């Protein structure tokens, strides 16, 4: 369970960092294969 939690946290952190780098949430979500709705949850 801890491994799964760490994986989810790292994935979210990576997505947030990418969105910041690109200054574009939509592009970051598209690259990472995540919906914008999920991003804002």
C-alpha atoms as a PDB file:
ATOM      1  CA  UNK A   1       0.000   0.000   0.000  1.00  0.00           C
ATOM      2  CA  UNK A   2       2.807   2.419   0.872  1.00  0.00           C
ATOM      3  CA  UNK A   3       4.464   1.756  -2.492  1.00  0.00           C
ATOM      4  CA  UNK A   4       1.207   2.555  -4.313  1.00  0.00           C
ATOM      5  CA  UNK A   5       0.745   5.756  -2.320  1.00  0.00           C
ATOM      6  CA  UNK A   6       4.302   6.877  -3.093  1.00  0.00           C
ATOM      7  CA  UNK A   7       3.775   6.152  -6.787  1.00  0.00           C
ATOM      8  CA  UNK A   8       0.596   8.254  -6.890  1.00  0.00           C
ATOM      9  CA  UNK A   9       2.279  11.134  -5.066  1.00  0.00           C
ATOM     10  CA  UNK A  10       5.276  11.085  -7.432  1.00  0.00           C
ATOM     11  CA  UNK A  11       2.976  11.015 -10.475  1.00  0.00           C
ATOM     12  CA  UNK A  12       0.971  13.994  -9.176  1.00  0.00           C
ATOM     13  CA  UNK A  13       4.154  15.902  -8.338  1.00  0.00           C
ATOM     14  CA  UNK A  14       5.497  15.226 -11.830  1.00  0.00           C
ATOM     15  CA  UNK A  15       2.278  16.464 -13.389  1.00  0.00           C
ATOM     16  CA  UNK A  16       2.310  19.630 -11.280  1.00  0.00           C
ATOM     17  CA  UNK A  17       5.951  20.302 -12.162  1.00  0.00           C
ATOM     18  CA  UNK A  18       5.297  19.785 -15.866  1.00  0.00           C
ATOM     19  CA  UNK A  19       2.283  22.108 -15.774  1.00  0.00           C
ATOM     20  CA  UNK A  20       4.427  24.749 -14.114  1.00  0.00           C
ATOM     21  CA  UNK A  21       7.280  24.302 -16.611  1.00  0.00           C
ATOM     22  CA  UNK A  22       4.938  24.569 -19.582  1.00  0.00           C
ATOM     23  CA  UNK A  23       2.769  27.242 -17.961  1.00  0.00           C
ATOM     24  CA  UNK A  24      -0.094  25.262 -19.444  1.00  0.00           C
ATOM     25  CA  UNK A  25      -2.210  22.752 -17.535  1.00  0.00           C
ATOM     26  CA  UNK A  26      -3.972  21.464 -20.659  1.00  0.00           C
ATOM     27  CA  UNK A  27      -0.712  20.568 -22.410  1.00  0.00           C
ATOM     28  CA  UNK A  28       0.712  18.936 -19.292  1.00  0.00           C
ATOM     29  CA  UNK A  29      -2.412  16.826 -18.861  1.00  0.00           C
ATOM     30  CA  UNK A  30      -2.352  15.777 -22.503  1.00  0.00           C
ATOM     31  CA  UNK A  31       1.313  14.736 -22.271  1.00  0.00           C
ATOM     32  CA  UNK A  32       0.750  12.798 -19.047  1.00  0.00           C
ATOM     33  CA  UNK A  33      -2.527  11.246 -20.213  1.00  0.00           C
ATOM     34  CA  UNK A  34      -4.610  12.781 -17.427  1.00  0.00           C
ATOM     35  CA  UNK A  35      -7.890  14.636 -17.835  1.00  0.00           C
ATOM     36  CA  UNK A  36      -8.048  18.241 -16.673  1.00  0.00           C
ATOM     37  CA  UNK A  37     -10.924  17.249 -14.399  1.00  0.00           C
ATOM     38  CA  UNK A  38      -8.619  14.782 -12.644  1.00  0.00           C
ATOM     39  CA  UNK A  39      -5.869  17.410 -12.447  1.00  0.00           C
ATOM     40  CA  UNK A  40      -8.098  19.760 -10.466  1.00  0.00           C
ATOM     41  CA  UNK A  41      -9.244  17.064  -7.999  1.00  0.00           C
END
